[in-house]
């Protein structure tokens, strides 16, 4: 993962990471989020999709991440967005 050097994913909890921005763009286009939408993101990882969601009109994003090693990365996105 580019954002977290030397990070080794945990296969015991099924970790896989989205790394292709074109896939993020595809997901966001298909979602057609509006201000009436709130998003629950399970496993935000290093936040590549979360960053994309922050650029939409959705009214809120809630993330749930089991891996505490990723907590700081997601918190930094929240601070950046505030």
PDB file of N, CA and C in Angstrom:
ATOM      1  N   UNK A   1       0.841  -1.176   0.000  1.00  0.00           N
ATOM      2  CA  UNK A   1       0.000   0.000   0.000  1.00  0.00           C
ATOM      3  C   UNK A   1       0.883   1.236   0.000  1.00  0.00           C
ATOM      4  N   UNK A   2       0.627   2.107  -0.916  1.00  0.00           N
ATOM      5  CA  UNK A   2       1.465   3.290  -1.091  1.00  0.00           C
ATOM      6  C   UNK A   2       1.408   4.242   0.104  1.00  0.00           C
ATOM      7  N   UNK A   3       0.264   4.367   0.747  1.00  0.00           N
ATOM      8  CA  UNK A   3       0.117   5.336   1.830  1.00  0.00           C
ATOM      9  C   UNK A   3       0.746   4.867   3.138  1.00  0.00           C
ATOM     10  N   UNK A   4       0.909   3.565   3.290  1.00  0.00           N
ATOM     11  CA  UNK A   4       1.444   3.023   4.532  1.00  0.00           C
ATOM     12  C   UNK A   4       2.643   2.142   4.187  1.00  0.00           C
ATOM     13  N   UNK A   5       3.854   2.710   4.242  1.00  0.00           N
ATOM     14  CA  UNK A   5       5.047   1.940   3.872  1.00  0.00           C
ATOM     15  C   UNK A   5       5.215   0.699   4.748  1.00  0.00           C
ATOM     16  N   UNK A   6       5.669  -0.377   4.141  1.00  0.00           N
ATOM     17  CA  UNK A   6       5.961  -1.645   4.830  1.00  0.00           C
ATOM     18  C   UNK A   6       4.742  -2.282   5.491  1.00  0.00           C
ATOM     19  N   UNK A   7       3.556  -1.913   5.062  1.00  0.00           N
ATOM     20  CA  UNK A   7       2.334  -2.490   5.622  1.00  0.00           C
ATOM     21  C   UNK A   7       2.123  -3.879   5.031  1.00  0.00           C
ATOM     22  N   UNK A   8       1.881  -4.852   5.884  1.00  0.00           N
ATOM     23  CA  UNK A   8       1.588  -6.215   5.434  1.00  0.00           C
ATOM     24  C   UNK A   8       0.135  -6.507   5.782  1.00  0.00           C
ATOM     25  N   UNK A   9      -0.649  -6.833   4.745  1.00  0.00           N
ATOM     26  CA  UNK A   9      -2.077  -7.065   4.983  1.00  0.00           C
ATOM     27  C   UNK A   9      -2.296  -8.347   5.786  1.00  0.00           C
ATOM     28  N   UNK A  10      -3.408  -8.382   6.481  1.00  0.00           N
ATOM     29  CA  UNK A  10      -3.761  -9.486   7.364  1.00  0.00           C
ATOM     30  C   UNK A  10      -4.766 -10.395   6.655  1.00  0.00           C
ATOM     31  N   UNK A  11      -4.283 -11.494   6.121  1.00  0.00           N
ATOM     32  CA  UNK A  11      -5.167 -12.412   5.396  1.00  0.00           C
ATOM     33  C   UNK A  11      -6.131 -13.138   6.336  1.00  0.00           C
ATOM     34  N   UNK A  12      -5.813 -13.159   7.628  1.00  0.00           N
ATOM     35  CA  UNK A  12      -6.709 -13.818   8.586  1.00  0.00           C
ATOM     36  C   UNK A  12      -8.073 -13.132   8.667  1.00  0.00           C
ATOM     37  N   UNK A  13      -8.107 -11.841   8.367  1.00  0.00           N
ATOM     38  CA  UNK A  13      -9.393 -11.133   8.377  1.00  0.00           C
ATOM     39  C   UNK A  13      -9.834 -10.778   6.957  1.00  0.00           C
ATOM     40  N   UNK A  14      -9.207 -11.421   5.977  1.00  0.00           N
ATOM     41  CA  UNK A  14      -9.633 -11.272   4.589  1.00  0.00           C
ATOM     42  C   UNK A  14      -9.282  -9.942   3.948  1.00  0.00           C
ATOM     43  N   UNK A  15      -8.203  -9.321   4.407  1.00  0.00           N
ATOM     44  CA  UNK A  15      -7.845  -8.011   3.862  1.00  0.00           C
ATOM     45  C   UNK A  15      -7.416  -8.083   2.406  1.00  0.00           C
ATOM     46  N   UNK A  16      -8.010  -7.227   1.625  1.00  0.00           N
ATOM     47  CA  UNK A  16      -7.621  -6.951   0.242  1.00  0.00           C
ATOM     48  C   UNK A  16      -7.769  -5.452   0.081  1.00  0.00           C
ATOM     49  N   UNK A  17      -6.882  -4.840  -0.679  1.00  0.00           N
ATOM     50  CA  UNK A  17      -6.898  -3.386  -0.773  1.00  0.00           C
ATOM     51  C   UNK A  17      -7.138  -2.910  -2.187  1.00  0.00           C
ATOM     52  N   UNK A  18      -8.009  -1.935  -2.295  1.00  0.00           N
ATOM     53  CA  UNK A  18      -8.294  -1.270  -3.556  1.00  0.00           C
ATOM     54  C   UNK A  18      -7.137  -0.312  -3.827  1.00  0.00           C
ATOM     55  N   UNK A  19      -6.492  -0.459  -4.989  1.00  0.00           N
ATOM     56  CA  UNK A  19      -5.345   0.395  -5.304  1.00  0.00           C
ATOM     57  C   UNK A  19      -5.491   1.116  -6.642  1.00  0.00           C
ATOM     58  N   UNK A  20      -6.537   0.802  -7.376  1.00  0.00           N
ATOM     59  CA  UNK A  20      -6.712   1.337  -8.722  1.00  0.00           C
ATOM     60  C   UNK A  20      -7.747   2.470  -8.702  1.00  0.00           C
ATOM     61  N   UNK A  21      -7.280   3.690  -8.945  1.00  0.00           N
ATOM     62  CA  UNK A  21      -8.180   4.848  -8.909  1.00  0.00           C
ATOM     63  C   UNK A  21      -9.265   4.783  -9.977  1.00  0.00           C
ATOM     64  N   UNK A  22      -9.013   4.074 -11.063  1.00  0.00           N
ATOM     65  CA  UNK A  22     -10.059   3.965 -12.092  1.00  0.00           C
ATOM     66  C   UNK A  22     -11.241   3.143 -11.575  1.00  0.00           C
ATOM     67  N   UNK A  23     -10.978   2.201 -10.699  1.00  0.00           N
ATOM     68  CA  UNK A  23     -12.067   1.425 -10.088  1.00  0.00           C
ATOM     69  C   UNK A  23     -12.849   2.310  -9.115  1.00  0.00           C
ATOM     70  N   UNK A  24     -12.146   3.139  -8.366  1.00  0.00           N
ATOM     71  CA  UNK A  24     -12.819   4.091  -7.469  1.00  0.00           C
ATOM     72  C   UNK A  24     -13.737   4.996  -8.283  1.00  0.00           C
ATOM     73  N   UNK A  25     -13.225   5.536  -9.373  1.00  0.00           N
ATOM     74  CA  UNK A  25     -14.042   6.396 -10.238  1.00  0.00           C
ATOM     75  C   UNK A  25     -15.271   5.657 -10.755  1.00  0.00           C
ATOM     76  N   UNK A  26     -15.093   4.402 -11.160  1.00  0.00           N
ATOM     77  CA  UNK A  26     -16.211   3.588 -11.650  1.00  0.00           C
ATOM     78  C   UNK A  26     -17.267   3.410 -10.556  1.00  0.00           C
ATOM     79  N   UNK A  27     -16.826   3.058  -9.356  1.00  0.00           N
ATOM     80  CA  UNK A  27     -17.750   2.852  -8.233  1.00  0.00           C
ATOM     81  C   UNK A  27     -18.539   4.130  -7.952  1.00  0.00           C
ATOM     82  N   UNK A  28     -17.840   5.251  -7.907  1.00  0.00           N
ATOM     83  CA  UNK A  28     -18.502   6.519  -7.590  1.00  0.00           C
ATOM     84  C   UNK A  28     -19.482   6.943  -8.676  1.00  0.00           C
ATOM     85  N   UNK A  29     -19.123   6.715  -9.930  1.00  0.00           N
ATOM     86  CA  UNK A  29     -20.056   7.049 -11.024  1.00  0.00           C
ATOM     87  C   UNK A  29     -21.313   6.193 -10.930  1.00  0.00           C
ATOM     88  N   UNK A  30     -21.141   4.905 -10.659  1.00  0.00           N
ATOM     89  CA  UNK A  30     -22.293   3.994 -10.577  1.00  0.00           C
ATOM     90  C   UNK A  30     -23.162   4.285  -9.356  1.00  0.00           C
ATOM     91  N   UNK A  31     -22.558   4.742  -8.284  1.00  0.00           N
ATOM     92  CA  UNK A  31     -23.312   5.003  -7.051  1.00  0.00           C
ATOM     93  C   UNK A  31     -24.234   6.213  -7.182  1.00  0.00           C
ATOM     94  N   UNK A  32     -23.858   7.187  -7.983  1.00  0.00           N
ATOM     95  CA  UNK A  32     -24.667   8.399  -8.199  1.00  0.00           C
ATOM     96  C   UNK A  32     -25.151   8.989  -6.868  1.00  0.00           C
ATOM     97  N   UNK A  33     -24.219   9.228  -5.971  1.00  0.00           N
ATOM     98  CA  UNK A  33     -24.552   9.712  -4.635  1.00  0.00           C
ATOM     99  C   UNK A  33     -25.062  11.149  -4.666  1.00  0.00           C
ATOM    100  N   UNK A  34     -26.071  11.394  -3.831  1.00  0.00           N
ATOM    101  CA  UNK A  34     -26.645  12.735  -3.696  1.00  0.00           C
ATOM    102  C   UNK A  34     -26.570  13.162  -2.233  1.00  0.00           C
ATOM    103  N   UNK A  35     -26.981  14.380  -1.961  1.00  0.00           N
ATOM    104  CA  UNK A  35     -26.982  14.897  -0.592  1.00  0.00           C
ATOM    105  C   UNK A  35     -27.921  14.108   0.320  1.00  0.00           C
ATOM    106  N   UNK A  36     -28.830  13.355  -0.250  1.00  0.00           N
ATOM    107  CA  UNK A  36     -29.755  12.542   0.542  1.00  0.00           C
ATOM    108  C   UNK A  36     -29.122  11.221   0.989  1.00  0.00           C
ATOM    109  N   UNK A  37     -27.936  10.916   0.475  1.00  0.00           N
ATOM    110  CA  UNK A  37     -27.294   9.625   0.753  1.00  0.00           C
ATOM    111  C   UNK A  37     -26.286   9.708   1.895  1.00  0.00           C
ATOM    112  N   UNK A  38     -26.292   8.637   2.702  1.00  0.00           N
ATOM    113  CA  UNK A  38     -25.259   8.413   3.709  1.00  0.00           C
ATOM    114  C   UNK A  38     -24.607   7.085   3.343  1.00  0.00           C
ATOM    115  N   UNK A  39     -23.292   6.987   3.522  1.00  0.00           N
ATOM    116  CA  UNK A  39     -22.553   5.804   3.087  1.00  0.00           C
ATOM    117  C   UNK A  39     -21.927   5.103   4.283  1.00  0.00           C
ATOM    118  N   UNK A  40     -22.064   3.783   4.324  1.00  0.00           N
ATOM    119  CA  UNK A  40     -21.371   2.939   5.289  1.00  0.00           C
ATOM    120  C   UNK A  40     -20.289   2.198   4.523  1.00  0.00           C
ATOM    121  N   UNK A  41     -19.040   2.479   4.849  1.00  0.00           N
ATOM    122  CA  UNK A  41     -17.919   1.821   4.177  1.00  0.00           C
ATOM    123  C   UNK A  41     -17.300   0.807   5.135  1.00  0.00           C
ATOM    124  N   UNK A  42     -17.374  -0.456   4.759  1.00  0.00           N
ATOM    125  CA  UNK A  42     -16.805  -1.526   5.568  1.00  0.00           C
ATOM    126  C   UNK A  42     -15.386  -1.785   5.085  1.00  0.00           C
ATOM    127  N   UNK A  43     -14.423  -1.646   5.993  1.00  0.00           N
ATOM    128  CA  UNK A  43     -13.029  -1.891   5.645  1.00  0.00           C
ATOM    129  C   UNK A  43     -12.426  -0.818   4.758  1.00  0.00           C
ATOM    130  N   UNK A  44     -12.352   0.422   5.241  1.00  0.00           N
ATOM    131  CA  UNK A  44     -11.811   1.490   4.405  1.00  0.00           C
ATOM    132  C   UNK A  44     -10.323   1.362   4.090  1.00  0.00           C
ATOM    133  N   UNK A  45      -9.635   0.501   4.815  1.00  0.00           N
ATOM    134  CA  UNK A  45      -8.220   0.284   4.516  1.00  0.00           C
ATOM    135  C   UNK A  45      -7.424   1.564   4.616  1.00  0.00           C
ATOM    136  N   UNK A  46      -6.720   1.919   3.524  1.00  0.00           N
ATOM    137  CA  UNK A  46      -5.910   3.141   3.554  1.00  0.00           C
ATOM    138  C   UNK A  46      -6.684   4.351   3.054  1.00  0.00           C
ATOM    139  N   UNK A  47      -7.961   4.179   2.760  1.00  0.00           N
ATOM    140  CA  UNK A  47      -8.826   5.313   2.484  1.00  0.00           C
ATOM    141  C   UNK A  47      -8.969   5.746   1.041  1.00  0.00           C
ATOM    142  N   UNK A  48      -8.553   4.932   0.091  1.00  0.00           N
ATOM    143  CA  UNK A  48      -8.646   5.335  -1.316  1.00  0.00           C
ATOM    144  C   UNK A  48     -10.104   5.571  -1.734  1.00  0.00           C
ATOM    145  N   UNK A  49     -11.010   4.695  -1.334  1.00  0.00           N
ATOM    146  CA  UNK A  49     -12.424   4.904  -1.658  1.00  0.00           C
ATOM    147  C   UNK A  49     -13.009   6.019  -0.788  1.00  0.00           C
ATOM    148  N   UNK A  50     -12.593   6.075   0.475  1.00  0.00           N
ATOM    149  CA  UNK A  50     -13.074   7.121   1.378  1.00  0.00           C
ATOM    150  C   UNK A  50     -12.765   8.501   0.811  1.00  0.00           C
ATOM    151  N   UNK A  51     -11.556   8.682   0.299  1.00  0.00           N
ATOM    152  CA  UNK A  51     -11.184   9.962  -0.317  1.00  0.00           C
ATOM    153  C   UNK A  51     -12.126  10.302  -1.467  1.00  0.00           C
ATOM    154  N   UNK A  52     -12.427   9.309  -2.275  1.00  0.00           N
ATOM    155  CA  UNK A  52     -13.360   9.524  -3.375  1.00  0.00           C
ATOM    156  C   UNK A  52     -14.743   9.884  -2.880  1.00  0.00           C
ATOM    157  N   UNK A  53     -15.202   9.198  -1.837  1.00  0.00           N
ATOM    158  CA  UNK A  53     -16.521   9.483  -1.270  1.00  0.00           C
ATOM    159  C   UNK A  53     -16.599  10.908  -0.731  1.00  0.00           C
ATOM    160  N   UNK A  54     -15.497  11.388  -0.162  1.00  0.00           N
ATOM    161  CA  UNK A  54     -15.469  12.750   0.372  1.00  0.00           C
ATOM    162  C   UNK A  54     -15.647  13.804  -0.715  1.00  0.00           C
ATOM    163  N   UNK A  55     -15.359  13.426  -1.942  1.00  0.00           N
ATOM    164  CA  UNK A  55     -15.499  14.374  -3.052  1.00  0.00           C
ATOM    165  C   UNK A  55     -16.903  14.365  -3.661  1.00  0.00           C
ATOM    166  N   UNK A  56     -17.789  13.524  -3.133  1.00  0.00           N
ATOM    167  CA  UNK A  56     -19.159  13.446  -3.655  1.00  0.00           C
ATOM    168  C   UNK A  56     -20.087  14.351  -2.844  1.00  0.00           C
ATOM    169  N   UNK A  57     -21.351  14.358  -3.218  1.00  0.00           N
ATOM    170  CA  UNK A  57     -22.354  15.157  -2.516  1.00  0.00           C
ATOM    171  C   UNK A  57     -22.997  14.425  -1.341  1.00  0.00           C
ATOM    172  N   UNK A  58     -22.562  13.188  -1.042  1.00  0.00           N
ATOM    173  CA  UNK A  58     -23.225  12.437   0.033  1.00  0.00           C
ATOM    174  C   UNK A  58     -23.131  13.219   1.340  1.00  0.00           C
ATOM    175  N   UNK A  59     -24.135  13.043   2.185  1.00  0.00           N
ATOM    176  CA  UNK A  59     -24.226  13.840   3.405  1.00  0.00           C
ATOM    177  C   UNK A  59     -23.426  13.276   4.566  1.00  0.00           C
ATOM    178  N   UNK A  60     -22.942  12.050   4.441  1.00  0.00           N
ATOM    179  CA  UNK A  60     -22.158  11.475   5.523  1.00  0.00           C
ATOM    180  C   UNK A  60     -21.520  10.159   5.139  1.00  0.00           C
ATOM    181  N   UNK A  61     -20.400   9.873   5.794  1.00  0.00           N
ATOM    182  CA  UNK A  61     -19.692   8.610   5.577  1.00  0.00           C
ATOM    183  C   UNK A  61     -19.341   8.046   6.941  1.00  0.00           C
ATOM    184  N   UNK A  62     -19.690   6.792   7.158  1.00  0.00           N
ATOM    185  CA  UNK A  62     -19.310   6.074   8.365  1.00  0.00           C
ATOM    186  C   UNK A  62     -18.416   4.923   7.922  1.00  0.00           C
ATOM    187  N   UNK A  63     -17.235   4.816   8.523  1.00  0.00           N
ATOM    188  CA  UNK A  63     -16.332   3.727   8.163  1.00  0.00           C
ATOM    189  C   UNK A  63     -16.188   2.770   9.339  1.00  0.00           C
ATOM    190  N   UNK A  64     -16.037   1.493   9.025  1.00  0.00           N
ATOM    191  CA  UNK A  64     -15.816   0.461  10.032  1.00  0.00           C
ATOM    192  C   UNK A  64     -14.579  -0.317   9.612  1.00  0.00           C
ATOM    193  N   UNK A  65     -13.522  -0.244  10.428  1.00  0.00           N
ATOM    194  CA  UNK A  65     -12.264  -0.921  10.126  1.00  0.00           C
ATOM    195  C   UNK A  65     -11.852  -1.759  11.331  1.00  0.00           C
ATOM    196  N   UNK A  66     -11.601  -3.044  11.115  1.00  0.00           N
ATOM    197  CA  UNK A  66     -11.185  -3.933  12.195  1.00  0.00           C
ATOM    198  C   UNK A  66      -9.705  -3.788  12.538  1.00  0.00           C
ATOM    199  N   UNK A  67      -8.894  -3.444  11.555  1.00  0.00           N
ATOM    200  CA  UNK A  67      -7.445  -3.384  11.735  1.00  0.00           C
ATOM    201  C   UNK A  67      -7.059  -2.035  12.342  1.00  0.00           C
ATOM    202  N   UNK A  68      -6.706  -2.048  13.621  1.00  0.00           N
ATOM    203  CA  UNK A  68      -6.385  -0.804  14.321  1.00  0.00           C
ATOM    204  C   UNK A  68      -5.138  -0.120  13.767  1.00  0.00           C
ATOM    205  N   UNK A  69      -4.310  -0.830  13.022  1.00  0.00           N
ATOM    206  CA  UNK A  69      -3.128  -0.211  12.411  1.00  0.00           C
ATOM    207  C   UNK A  69      -3.529   0.844  11.378  1.00  0.00           C
ATOM    208  N   UNK A  70      -4.746   0.778  10.889  1.00  0.00           N
ATOM    209  CA  UNK A  70      -5.214   1.701   9.852  1.00  0.00           C
ATOM    210  C   UNK A  70      -5.996   2.887  10.415  1.00  0.00           C
ATOM    211  N   UNK A  71      -6.200   2.896  11.724  1.00  0.00           N
ATOM    212  CA  UNK A  71      -7.009   3.934  12.369  1.00  0.00           C
ATOM    213  C   UNK A  71      -6.481   5.341  12.075  1.00  0.00           C
ATOM    214  N   UNK A  72      -5.192   5.551  12.204  1.00  0.00           N
ATOM    215  CA  UNK A  72      -4.611   6.883  12.016  1.00  0.00           C
ATOM    216  C   UNK A  72      -4.860   7.407  10.601  1.00  0.00           C
ATOM    217  N   UNK A  73      -4.720   6.544   9.611  1.00  0.00           N
ATOM    218  CA  UNK A  73      -4.911   6.957   8.218  1.00  0.00           C
ATOM    219  C   UNK A  73      -6.324   7.479   7.991  1.00  0.00           C
ATOM    220  N   UNK A  74      -7.311   6.753   8.488  1.00  0.00           N
ATOM    221  CA  UNK A  74      -8.706   7.167   8.314  1.00  0.00           C
ATOM    222  C   UNK A  74      -9.003   8.430   9.131  1.00  0.00           C
ATOM    223  N   UNK A  75      -8.434   8.523  10.333  1.00  0.00           N
ATOM    224  CA  UNK A  75      -8.625   9.731  11.140  1.00  0.00           C
ATOM    225  C   UNK A  75      -8.066  10.958  10.424  1.00  0.00           C
ATOM    226  N   UNK A  76      -6.934  10.812   9.750  1.00  0.00           N
ATOM    227  CA  UNK A  76      -6.332  11.930   9.027  1.00  0.00           C
ATOM    228  C   UNK A  76      -7.241  12.396   7.886  1.00  0.00           C
ATOM    229  N   UNK A  77      -7.935  11.461   7.240  1.00  0.00           N
ATOM    230  CA  UNK A  77      -8.890  11.840   6.191  1.00  0.00           C
ATOM    231  C   UNK A  77     -10.044  12.652   6.778  1.00  0.00           C
ATOM    232  N   UNK A  78     -10.500  12.248   7.961  1.00  0.00           N
ATOM    233  CA  UNK A  78     -11.602  12.970   8.608  1.00  0.00           C
ATOM    234  C   UNK A  78     -11.172  14.391   8.958  1.00  0.00           C
ATOM    235  N   UNK A  79      -9.956  14.540   9.450  1.00  0.00           N
ATOM    236  CA  UNK A  79      -9.441  15.868   9.799  1.00  0.00           C
ATOM    237  C   UNK A  79      -9.299  16.722   8.545  1.00  0.00           C
ATOM    238  N   UNK A  80      -8.768  16.108   7.493  1.00  0.00           N
ATOM    239  CA  UNK A  80      -8.570  16.819   6.226  1.00  0.00           C
ATOM    240  C   UNK A  80      -9.902  17.326   5.667  1.00  0.00           C
ATOM    241  N   UNK A  81     -10.970  16.560   5.892  1.00  0.00           N
ATOM    242  CA  UNK A  81     -12.282  16.916   5.352  1.00  0.00           C
ATOM    243  C   UNK A  81     -13.011  17.958   6.198  1.00  0.00           C
ATOM    244  N   UNK A  82     -12.611  18.113   7.451  1.00  0.00           N
ATOM    245  CA  UNK A  82     -13.360  19.026   8.335  1.00  0.00           C
ATOM    246  C   UNK A  82     -13.005  20.485   8.130  1.00  0.00           C
TER     247      UNK A  82
END
